[in-house]
Amino acid sequence: MNDHAGVLRIARHQPADGRRDEVAGLLRAVAESMRDAPGCFGAQVTSSDRKEEQLILVSRWQSLEAMDKYNAQPEFAGFQREIMSSLTSAPDVEILTTA
């Protein structure tokens, strides 16, 4: 079994005006949930020096299958519905895999 992440999921979130703290709290909660998921090597909420208001959820996964299994859970779908009202647009999600 690999002891390193083969998949990185980078999800950029643009909070609506005055909603940054709310979005950060929601993202921290989902990051904590991800950390307990099978195949997840870690998750954290970050900010960028390029877009100061943007919040980024970075998660590291053993495989695409492990990530997809987590993303298919009803709790994750509920999180996605809940956070959308606090964002200006849908998150920009990028998946990186080991070359």
PDB file of N, CA and C in Angstrom:
ATOM      1  N   MET A   1       0.839  -1.178   0.000  1.00  0.00           N
ATOM      2  CA  MET A   1       0.000   0.000   0.000  1.00  0.00           C
ATOM      3  C   MET A   1       0.882   1.239   0.000  1.00  0.00           C
ATOM      4  N   ASN A   2       0.489   2.239  -0.782  1.00  0.00           N
ATOM      5  CA  ASN A   2       1.230   3.497  -0.806  1.00  0.00           C
ATOM      6  C   ASN A   2       1.085   4.210   0.525  1.00  0.00           C
ATOM      7  N   ASP A   3       2.144   4.855   0.953  1.00  0.00           N
ATOM      8  CA  ASP A   3       2.070   5.645   2.173  1.00  0.00           C
ATOM      9  C   ASP A   3       2.075   7.137   1.850  1.00  0.00           C
ATOM     10  N   HIS A   4       1.754   7.473   0.614  1.00  0.00           N
ATOM     11  CA  HIS A   4       1.675   8.876   0.219  1.00  0.00           C
ATOM     12  C   HIS A   4       0.421   9.090  -0.625  1.00  0.00           C
ATOM     13  N   ALA A   5       0.042  10.338  -0.743  1.00  0.00           N
ATOM     14  CA  ALA A   5      -1.161  10.676  -1.496  1.00  0.00           C
ATOM     15  C   ALA A   5      -0.890  10.617  -2.989  1.00  0.00           C
ATOM     16  N   GLY A   6      -1.743   9.910  -3.699  1.00  0.00           N
ATOM     17  CA  GLY A   6      -1.654   9.867  -5.150  1.00  0.00           C
ATOM     18  C   GLY A   6      -2.578  10.875  -5.804  1.00  0.00           C
ATOM     19  N   VAL A   7      -3.472  11.470  -4.981  1.00  0.00           N
ATOM     20  CA  VAL A   7      -4.471  12.407  -5.497  1.00  0.00           C
ATOM     21  C   VAL A   7      -4.558  13.611  -4.563  1.00  0.00           C
ATOM     22  N   LEU A   8      -4.562  14.791  -5.135  1.00  0.00           N
ATOM     23  CA  LEU A   8      -4.819  16.021  -4.398  1.00  0.00           C
ATOM     24  C   LEU A   8      -6.065  16.660  -4.976  1.00  0.00           C
ATOM     25  N   ARG A   9      -6.962  17.067  -4.106  1.00  0.00           N
ATOM     26  CA  ARG A   9      -8.177  17.781  -4.523  1.00  0.00           C
ATOM     27  C   ARG A   9      -8.059  19.199  -4.006  1.00  0.00           C
ATOM     28  N   ILE A  10      -8.110  20.159  -4.901  1.00  0.00           N
ATOM     29  CA  ILE A  10      -8.001  21.569  -4.547  1.00  0.00           C
ATOM     30  C   ILE A  10      -9.316  22.233  -4.930  1.00  0.00           C
ATOM     31  N   ALA A  11     -10.045  22.716  -3.939  1.00  0.00           N
ATOM     32  CA  ALA A  11     -11.346  23.343  -4.179  1.00  0.00           C
ATOM     33  C   ALA A  11     -11.284  24.794  -3.714  1.00  0.00           C
ATOM     34  N   ARG A  12     -11.379  25.710  -4.667  1.00  0.00           N
ATOM     35  CA  ARG A  12     -11.312  27.145  -4.380  1.00  0.00           C
ATOM     36  C   ARG A  12     -12.726  27.690  -4.194  1.00  0.00           C
ATOM     37  N   HIS A  13     -12.945  28.364  -3.071  1.00  0.00           N
ATOM     38  CA  HIS A  13     -14.261  28.889  -2.717  1.00  0.00           C
ATOM     39  C   HIS A  13     -14.180  30.416  -2.610  1.00  0.00           C
ATOM     40  N   GLN A  14     -15.104  31.104  -3.275  1.00  0.00           N
ATOM     41  CA  GLN A  14     -15.171  32.567  -3.208  1.00  0.00           C
ATOM     42  C   GLN A  14     -16.388  32.949  -2.364  1.00  0.00           C
ATOM     43  N   PRO A  15     -16.159  33.341  -1.107  1.00  0.00           N
ATOM     44  CA  PRO A  15     -17.285  33.694  -0.241  1.00  0.00           C
ATOM     45  C   PRO A  15     -18.003  34.954  -0.734  1.00  0.00           C
ATOM     46  N   ALA A  16     -19.310  34.998  -0.513  1.00  0.00           N
ATOM     47  CA  ALA A  16     -20.078  36.209  -0.771  1.00  0.00           C
ATOM     48  C   ALA A  16     -19.646  37.270   0.243  1.00  0.00           C
ATOM     49  N   ASP A  17     -19.947  38.521  -0.060  1.00  0.00           N
ATOM     50  CA  ASP A  17     -19.572  39.622   0.834  1.00  0.00           C
ATOM     51  C   ASP A  17     -20.067  39.359   2.251  1.00  0.00           C
ATOM     52  N   GLY A  18     -19.158  39.500   3.209  1.00  0.00           N
ATOM     53  CA  GLY A  18     -19.490  39.331   4.610  1.00  0.00           C
ATOM     54  C   GLY A  18     -19.675  37.891   5.066  1.00  0.00           C
ATOM     55  N   ARG A  19     -19.372  36.920   4.226  1.00  0.00           N
ATOM     56  CA  ARG A  19     -19.619  35.510   4.569  1.00  0.00           C
ATOM     57  C   ARG A  19     -18.337  34.692   4.726  1.00  0.00           C
ATOM     58  N   ARG A  20     -17.176  35.352   4.704  1.00  0.00           N
ATOM     59  CA  ARG A  20     -15.904  34.623   4.733  1.00  0.00           C
ATOM     60  C   ARG A  20     -15.763  33.751   5.989  1.00  0.00           C
ATOM     61  N   ASP A  21     -16.089  34.310   7.151  1.00  0.00           N
ATOM     62  CA  ASP A  21     -15.958  33.544   8.394  1.00  0.00           C
ATOM     63  C   ASP A  21     -16.892  32.335   8.407  1.00  0.00           C
ATOM     64  N   GLU A  22     -18.097  32.520   7.901  1.00  0.00           N
ATOM     65  CA  GLU A  22     -19.058  31.420   7.821  1.00  0.00           C
ATOM     66  C   GLU A  22     -18.538  30.308   6.905  1.00  0.00           C
ATOM     67  N   VAL A  23     -18.035  30.699   5.734  1.00  0.00           N
ATOM     68  CA  VAL A  23     -17.492  29.722   4.784  1.00  0.00           C
ATOM     69  C   VAL A  23     -16.288  29.006   5.392  1.00  0.00           C
ATOM     70  N   ALA A  24     -15.422  29.754   6.058  1.00  0.00           N
ATOM     71  CA  ALA A  24     -14.245  29.146   6.691  1.00  0.00           C
ATOM     72  C   ALA A  24     -14.665  28.095   7.715  1.00  0.00           C
ATOM     73  N   GLY A  25     -15.684  28.387   8.508  1.00  0.00           N
ATOM     74  CA  GLY A  25     -16.166  27.428   9.497  1.00  0.00           C
ATOM     75  C   GLY A  25     -16.721  26.163   8.862  1.00  0.00           C
ATOM     76  N   LEU A  26     -17.497  26.325   7.800  1.00  0.00           N
ATOM     77  CA  LEU A  26     -18.037  25.161   7.092  1.00  0.00           C
ATOM     78  C   LEU A  26     -16.917  24.323   6.491  1.00  0.00           C
ATOM     79  N   LEU A  27     -15.936  24.986   5.899  1.00  0.00           N
ATOM     80  CA  LEU A  27     -14.820  24.260   5.287  1.00  0.00           C
ATOM     81  C   LEU A  27     -13.987  23.528   6.338  1.00  0.00           C
ATOM     82  N   ARG A  28     -13.781  24.149   7.491  1.00  0.00           N
ATOM     83  CA  ARG A  28     -13.028  23.479   8.558  1.00  0.00           C
ATOM     84  C   ARG A  28     -13.758  22.223   9.028  1.00  0.00           C
ATOM     85  N   ALA A  29     -15.073  22.310   9.115  1.00  0.00           N
ATOM     86  CA  ALA A  29     -15.854  21.150   9.553  1.00  0.00           C
ATOM     87  C   ALA A  29     -15.748  20.004   8.547  1.00  0.00           C
ATOM     88  N   VAL A  30     -15.841  20.313   7.256  1.00  0.00           N
ATOM     89  CA  VAL A  30     -15.744  19.246   6.261  1.00  0.00           C
ATOM     90  C   VAL A  30     -14.317  18.700   6.196  1.00  0.00           C
ATOM     91  N   ALA A  31     -13.315  19.557   6.401  1.00  0.00           N
ATOM     92  CA  ALA A  31     -11.927  19.084   6.416  1.00  0.00           C
ATOM     93  C   ALA A  31     -11.726  18.087   7.555  1.00  0.00           C
ATOM     94  N   GLU A  32     -12.314  18.380   8.710  1.00  0.00           N
ATOM     95  CA  GLU A  32     -12.205  17.458   9.847  1.00  0.00           C
ATOM     96  C   GLU A  32     -12.864  16.121   9.518  1.00  0.00           C
ATOM     97  N   SER A  33     -14.008  16.172   8.862  1.00  0.00           N
ATOM     98  CA  SER A  33     -14.696  14.948   8.451  1.00  0.00           C
ATOM     99  C   SER A  33     -13.855  14.154   7.454  1.00  0.00           C
ATOM    100  N   MET A  34     -13.249  14.841   6.508  1.00  0.00           N
ATOM    101  CA  MET A  34     -12.411  14.178   5.503  1.00  0.00           C
ATOM    102  C   MET A  34     -11.248  13.438   6.152  1.00  0.00           C
ATOM    103  N   ARG A  35     -10.645  14.053   7.170  1.00  0.00           N
ATOM    104  CA  ARG A  35      -9.472  13.460   7.819  1.00  0.00           C
ATOM    105  C   ARG A  35      -9.759  12.079   8.386  1.00  0.00           C
ATOM    106  N   ASP A  36     -11.014  11.838   8.737  1.00  0.00           N
ATOM    107  CA  ASP A  36     -11.406  10.538   9.300  1.00  0.00           C
ATOM    108  C   ASP A  36     -11.797   9.524   8.234  1.00  0.00           C
ATOM    109  N   ALA A  37     -11.856   9.950   6.978  1.00  0.00           N
ATOM    110  CA  ALA A  37     -12.314   9.067   5.898  1.00  0.00           C
ATOM    111  C   ALA A  37     -11.215   8.085   5.493  1.00  0.00           C
ATOM    112  N   PRO A  38     -11.583   6.845   5.194  1.00  0.00           N
ATOM    113  CA  PRO A  38     -10.593   5.885   4.697  1.00  0.00           C
ATOM    114  C   PRO A  38      -9.934   6.406   3.419  1.00  0.00           C
ATOM    115  N   GLY A  39      -8.614   6.330   3.375  1.00  0.00           N
ATOM    116  CA  GLY A  39      -7.878   6.760   2.189  1.00  0.00           C
ATOM    117  C   GLY A  39      -7.534   8.229   2.143  1.00  0.00           C
ATOM    118  N   CYS A  40      -7.939   8.987   3.170  1.00  0.00           N
ATOM    119  CA  CYS A  40      -7.585  10.411   3.208  1.00  0.00           C
ATOM    120  C   CYS A  40      -6.330  10.590   4.051  1.00  0.00           C
ATOM    121  N   PHE A  41      -5.332  11.245   3.476  1.00  0.00           N
ATOM    122  CA  PHE A  41      -4.077  11.495   4.185  1.00  0.00           C
ATOM    123  C   PHE A  41      -4.069  12.845   4.885  1.00  0.00           C
ATOM    124  N   GLY A  42      -5.117  13.642   4.698  1.00  0.00           N
ATOM    125  CA  GLY A  42      -5.207  14.919   5.376  1.00  0.00           C
ATOM    126  C   GLY A  42      -6.019  15.909   4.565  1.00  0.00           C
ATOM    127  N   ALA A  43      -6.523  16.922   5.282  1.00  0.00           N
ATOM    128  CA  ALA A  43      -7.289  17.985   4.642  1.00  0.00           C
ATOM    129  C   ALA A  43      -7.094  19.251   5.461  1.00  0.00           C
ATOM    130  N   GLN A  44      -7.033  20.373   4.772  1.00  0.00           N
ATOM    131  CA  GLN A  44      -6.858  21.639   5.468  1.00  0.00           C
ATOM    132  C   GLN A  44      -7.477  22.769   4.662  1.00  0.00           C
ATOM    133  N   VAL A  45      -7.825  23.830   5.375  1.00  0.00           N
ATOM    134  CA  VAL A  45      -8.363  25.037   4.761  1.00  0.00           C
ATOM    135  C   VAL A  45      -7.236  26.050   4.698  1.00  0.00           C
ATOM    136  N   THR A  46      -7.044  26.618   3.516  1.00  0.00           N
ATOM    137  CA  THR A  46      -5.959  27.570   3.313  1.00  0.00           C
ATOM    138  C   THR A  46      -6.501  28.829   2.644  1.00  0.00           C
ATOM    139  N   SER A  47      -5.645  29.849   2.593  1.00  0.00           N
ATOM    140  CA  SER A  47      -5.951  31.050   1.818  1.00  0.00           C
ATOM    141  C   SER A  47      -4.809  31.254   0.836  1.00  0.00           C
ATOM    142  N   SER A  48      -5.048  32.116  -0.128  1.00  0.00           N
ATOM    143  CA  SER A  48      -4.083  32.326  -1.202  1.00  0.00           C
ATOM    144  C   SER A  48      -3.542  33.747  -1.169  1.00  0.00           C
ATOM    145  N   ASP A  49      -2.292  33.902  -1.555  1.00  0.00           N
ATOM    146  CA  ASP A  49      -1.741  35.250  -1.666  1.00  0.00           C
ATOM    147  C   ASP A  49      -2.198  35.926  -2.961  1.00  0.00           C
ATOM    148  N   ARG A  50      -2.844  35.181  -3.846  1.00  0.00           N
ATOM    149  CA  ARG A  50      -3.315  35.739  -5.120  1.00  0.00           C
ATOM    150  C   ARG A  50      -4.715  36.328  -5.010  1.00  0.00           C
ATOM    151  N   LYS A  51      -5.556  35.693  -4.225  1.00  0.00           N
ATOM    152  CA  LYS A  51      -6.930  36.165  -4.011  1.00  0.00           C
ATOM    153  C   LYS A  51      -7.206  36.066  -2.520  1.00  0.00           C
ATOM    154  N   GLU A  52      -7.032  37.168  -1.811  1.00  0.00           N
ATOM    155  CA  GLU A  52      -7.066  37.152  -0.351  1.00  0.00           C
ATOM    156  C   GLU A  52      -8.390  36.673   0.233  1.00  0.00           C
ATOM    157  N   GLU A  53      -9.507  36.970  -0.405  1.00  0.00           N
ATOM    158  CA  GLU A  53     -10.803  36.574   0.135  1.00  0.00           C
ATOM    159  C   GLU A  53     -11.127  35.107  -0.132  1.00  0.00           C
ATOM    160  N   GLN A  54     -10.452  34.504  -1.087  1.00  0.00           N
ATOM    161  CA  GLN A  54     -10.735  33.124  -1.478  1.00  0.00           C
ATOM    162  C   GLN A  54     -10.247  32.149  -0.402  1.00  0.00           C
ATOM    163  N   LEU A  55     -11.035  31.120  -0.160  1.00  0.00           N
ATOM    164  CA  LEU A  55     -10.649  30.046   0.755  1.00  0.00           C
ATOM    165  C   LEU A  55     -10.508  28.764  -0.045  1.00  0.00           C
ATOM    166  N   ILE A  56      -9.487  27.994   0.279  1.00  0.00           N
ATOM    167  CA  ILE A  56      -9.164  26.802  -0.501  1.00  0.00           C
ATOM    168  C   ILE A  56      -9.140  25.587   0.424  1.00  0.00           C
ATOM    169  N   LEU A  57      -9.899  24.575   0.045  1.00  0.00           N
ATOM    170  CA  LEU A  57      -9.896  23.309   0.774  1.00  0.00           C
ATOM    171  C   LEU A  57      -9.003  22.343   0.008  1.00  0.00           C
ATOM    172  N   VAL A  58      -7.908  21.946   0.644  1.00  0.00           N
ATOM    173  CA  VAL A  58      -6.954  21.024   0.031  1.00  0.00           C
ATOM    174  C   VAL A  58      -7.073  19.690   0.760  1.00  0.00           C
ATOM    175  N   SER A  59      -7.290  18.632  -0.003  1.00  0.00           N
ATOM    176  CA  SER A  59      -7.324  17.299   0.604  1.00  0.00           C
ATOM    177  C   SER A  59      -6.426  16.365  -0.189  1.00  0.00           C
ATOM    178  N   ARG A  60      -5.823  15.418   0.535  1.00  0.00           N
ATOM    179  CA  ARG A  60      -4.875  14.471  -0.057  1.00  0.00           C
ATOM    180  C   ARG A  60      -5.431  13.062   0.125  1.00  0.00           C
ATOM    181  N   TRP A  61      -5.459  12.311  -0.992  1.00  0.00           N
ATOM    182  CA  TRP A  61      -6.119  11.008  -1.000  1.00  0.00           C
ATOM    183  C   TRP A  61      -5.200   9.920  -1.531  1.00  0.00           C
ATOM    184  N   GLN A  62      -5.415   8.723  -1.048  1.00  0.00           N
ATOM    185  CA  GLN A  62      -4.661   7.563  -1.523  1.00  0.00           C
ATOM    186  C   GLN A  62      -4.982   7.286  -2.988  1.00  0.00           C
ATOM    187  N   SER A  63      -6.252   7.458  -3.371  1.00  0.00           N
ATOM    188  CA  SER A  63      -6.681   7.124  -4.732  1.00  0.00           C
ATOM    189  C   SER A  63      -7.914   7.939  -5.112  1.00  0.00           C
ATOM    190  N   LEU A  64      -8.204   7.959  -6.409  1.00  0.00           N
ATOM    191  CA  LEU A  64      -9.440   8.590  -6.884  1.00  0.00           C
ATOM    192  C   LEU A  64     -10.660   7.876  -6.309  1.00  0.00           C
ATOM    193  N   GLU A  65     -10.565   6.558  -6.184  1.00  0.00           N
ATOM    194  CA  GLU A  65     -11.681   5.777  -5.652  1.00  0.00           C
ATOM    195  C   GLU A  65     -12.001   6.179  -4.210  1.00  0.00           C
ATOM    196  N   ALA A  66     -10.971   6.361  -3.391  1.00  0.00           N
ATOM    197  CA  ALA A  66     -11.191   6.767  -2.002  1.00  0.00           C
ATOM    198  C   ALA A  66     -11.839   8.148  -1.946  1.00  0.00           C
ATOM    199  N   MET A  67     -11.356   9.069  -2.769  1.00  0.00           N
ATOM    200  CA  MET A  67     -11.921  10.415  -2.812  1.00  0.00           C
ATOM    201  C   MET A  67     -13.369  10.372  -3.295  1.00  0.00           C
ATOM    202  N   ASP A  68     -13.619   9.632  -4.362  1.00  0.00           N
ATOM    203  CA  ASP A  68     -14.974   9.538  -4.908  1.00  0.00           C
ATOM    204  C   ASP A  68     -15.945   8.915  -3.911  1.00  0.00           C
ATOM    205  N   LYS A  69     -15.483   7.935  -3.157  1.00  0.00           N
ATOM    206  CA  LYS A  69     -16.337   7.292  -2.155  1.00  0.00           C
ATOM    207  C   LYS A  69     -16.750   8.306  -1.090  1.00  0.00           C
ATOM    208  N   TYR A  70     -15.812   9.118  -0.642  1.00  0.00           N
ATOM    209  CA  TYR A  70     -16.145  10.158   0.337  1.00  0.00           C
ATOM    210  C   TYR A  70     -17.112  11.172  -0.271  1.00  0.00           C
ATOM    211  N   ASN A  71     -16.808  11.624  -1.488  1.00  0.00           N
ATOM    212  CA  ASN A  71     -17.631  12.646  -2.144  1.00  0.00           C
ATOM    213  C   ASN A  71     -19.052  12.162  -2.417  1.00  0.00           C
ATOM    214  N   ALA A  72     -19.262  10.844  -2.486  1.00  0.00           N
ATOM    215  CA  ALA A  72     -20.585  10.286  -2.760  1.00  0.00           C
ATOM    216  C   ALA A  72     -21.452  10.171  -1.502  1.00  0.00           C
ATOM    217  N   GLN A  73     -20.880  10.434  -0.333  1.00  0.00           N
ATOM    218  CA  GLN A  73     -21.636  10.317   0.911  1.00  0.00           C
ATOM    219  C   GLN A  73     -22.703  11.408   0.994  1.00  0.00           C
ATOM    220  N   PRO A  74     -23.867  11.085   1.534  1.00  0.00           N
ATOM    221  CA  PRO A  74     -24.927  12.089   1.684  1.00  0.00           C
ATOM    222  C   PRO A  74     -24.489  13.308   2.500  1.00  0.00           C
ATOM    223  N   GLU A  75     -23.620  13.100   3.486  1.00  0.00           N
ATOM    224  CA  GLU A  75     -23.156  14.214   4.306  1.00  0.00           C
ATOM    225  C   GLU A  75     -22.372  15.227   3.475  1.00  0.00           C
ATOM    226  N   PHE A  76     -21.570  14.747   2.525  1.00  0.00           N
ATOM    227  CA  PHE A  76     -20.800  15.658   1.681  1.00  0.00           C
ATOM    228  C   PHE A  76     -21.730  16.411   0.733  1.00  0.00           C
ATOM    229  N   ALA A  77     -22.733  15.734   0.206  1.00  0.00           N
ATOM    230  CA  ALA A  77     -23.716  16.407  -0.651  1.00  0.00           C
ATOM    231  C   ALA A  77     -24.458  17.483   0.140  1.00  0.00           C
ATOM    232  N   GLY A  78     -24.782  17.187   1.394  1.00  0.00           N
ATOM    233  CA  GLY A  78     -25.433  18.171   2.256  1.00  0.00           C
ATOM    234  C   GLY A  78     -24.549  19.378   2.503  1.00  0.00           C
ATOM    235  N   PHE A  79     -23.266  19.139   2.740  1.00  0.00           N
ATOM    236  CA  PHE A  79     -22.312  20.239   2.908  1.00  0.00           C
ATOM    237  C   PHE A  79     -22.290  21.112   1.660  1.00  0.00           C
ATOM    238  N   GLN A  80     -22.248  20.486   0.494  1.00  0.00           N
ATOM    239  CA  GLN A  80     -22.190  21.251  -0.752  1.00  0.00           C
ATOM    240  C   GLN A  80     -23.428  22.124  -0.917  1.00  0.00           C
ATOM    241  N   ARG A  81     -24.601  21.596  -0.601  1.00  0.00           N
ATOM    242  CA  ARG A  81     -25.831  22.392  -0.686  1.00  0.00           C
ATOM    243  C   ARG A  81     -25.791  23.547   0.309  1.00  0.00           C
ATOM    244  N   GLU A  82     -25.329  23.275   1.517  1.00  0.00           N
ATOM    245  CA  GLU A  82     -25.312  24.292   2.568  1.00  0.00           C
ATOM    246  C   GLU A  82     -24.369  25.442   2.232  1.00  0.00           C
ATOM    247  N   ILE A  83     -23.203  25.146   1.707  1.00  0.00           N
ATOM    248  CA  ILE A  83     -22.210  26.187   1.481  1.00  0.00           C
ATOM    249  C   ILE A  83     -22.535  27.064   0.266  1.00  0.00           C
ATOM    250  N   MET A  84     -23.292  26.537  -0.687  1.00  0.00           N
ATOM    251  CA  MET A  84     -23.553  27.280  -1.926  1.00  0.00           C
ATOM    252  C   MET A  84     -24.204  28.637  -1.682  1.00  0.00           C
ATOM    253  N   SER A  85     -25.068  28.752  -0.684  1.00  0.00           N
ATOM    254  CA  SER A  85     -25.736  30.030  -0.425  1.00  0.00           C
ATOM    255  C   SER A  85     -24.779  31.084   0.123  1.00  0.00           C
ATOM    256  N   SER A  86     -23.592  30.670   0.524  1.00  0.00           N
ATOM    257  CA  SER A  86     -22.601  31.596   1.080  1.00  0.00           C
ATOM    258  C   SER A  86     -21.485  31.929   0.101  1.00  0.00           C
ATOM    259  N   LEU A  87     -21.583  31.419  -1.128  1.00  0.00           N
ATOM    260  CA  LEU A  87     -20.544  31.634  -2.141  1.00  0.00           C
ATOM    261  C   LEU A  87     -21.078  32.494  -3.281  1.00  0.00           C
ATOM    262  N   THR A  88     -20.168  33.138  -4.006  1.00  0.00           N
ATOM    263  CA  THR A  88     -20.569  33.912  -5.182  1.00  0.00           C
ATOM    264  C   THR A  88     -20.773  33.026  -6.398  1.00  0.00           C
ATOM    265  N   SER A  89     -20.163  31.842  -6.394  1.00  0.00           N
ATOM    266  CA  SER A  89     -20.282  30.894  -7.505  1.00  0.00           C
ATOM    267  C   SER A  89     -19.891  29.511  -6.997  1.00  0.00           C
ATOM    268  N   ALA A  90     -20.098  28.516  -7.831  1.00  0.00           N
ATOM    269  CA  ALA A  90     -19.708  27.156  -7.457  1.00  0.00           C
ATOM    270  C   ALA A  90     -18.197  27.090  -7.244  1.00  0.00           C
ATOM    271  N   PRO A  91     -17.733  26.239  -6.333  1.00  0.00           N
ATOM    272  CA  PRO A  91     -16.292  26.106  -6.122  1.00  0.00           C
ATOM    273  C   PRO A  91     -15.583  25.687  -7.408  1.00  0.00           C
ATOM    274  N   ASP A  92     -14.364  26.161  -7.553  1.00  0.00           N
ATOM    275  CA  ASP A  92     -13.499  25.767  -8.673  1.00  0.00           C
ATOM    276  C   ASP A  92     -12.656  24.599  -8.166  1.00  0.00           C
ATOM    277  N   VAL A  93     -12.940  23.402  -8.656  1.00  0.00           N
ATOM    278  CA  VAL A  93     -12.283  22.191  -8.152  1.00  0.00           C
ATOM    279  C   VAL A  93     -11.281  21.678  -9.174  1.00  0.00           C
ATOM    280  N   GLU A  94     -10.075  21.402  -8.685  1.00  0.00           N
ATOM    281  CA  GLU A  94      -9.014  20.833  -9.521  1.00  0.00           C
ATOM    282  C   GLU A  94      -8.525  19.555  -8.854  1.00  0.00           C
ATOM    283  N   ILE A  95      -8.379  18.503  -9.633  1.00  0.00           N
ATOM    284  CA  ILE A  95      -7.878  17.226  -9.131  1.00  0.00           C
ATOM    285  C   ILE A  95      -6.494  17.000  -9.728  1.00  0.00           C
ATOM    286  N   LEU A  96      -5.513  16.794  -8.869  1.00  0.00           N
ATOM    287  CA  LEU A  96      -4.143  16.518  -9.296  1.00  0.00           C
ATOM    288  C   LEU A  96      -3.828  15.066  -8.971  1.00  0.00           C
ATOM    289  N   THR A  97      -3.219  14.363  -9.902  1.00  0.00           N
ATOM    290  CA  THR A  97      -2.831  12.978  -9.665  1.00  0.00           C
ATOM    291  C   THR A  97      -1.337  12.821  -9.913  1.00  0.00           C
ATOM    292  N   THR A  98      -0.754  11.851  -9.238  1.00  0.00           N
ATOM    293  CA  THR A  98       0.669  11.580  -9.390  1.00  0.00           C
ATOM    294  C   THR A  98       0.963  11.179 -10.827  1.00  0.00           C
ATOM    295  N   ALA A  99       1.983  11.803 -11.397  1.00  0.00           N
ATOM    296  CA  ALA A  99       2.364  11.505 -12.791  1.00  0.00           C
ATOM    297  C   ALA A  99       3.290  10.311 -12.837  1.00  0.00           C
TER     298      ALA A  99
END
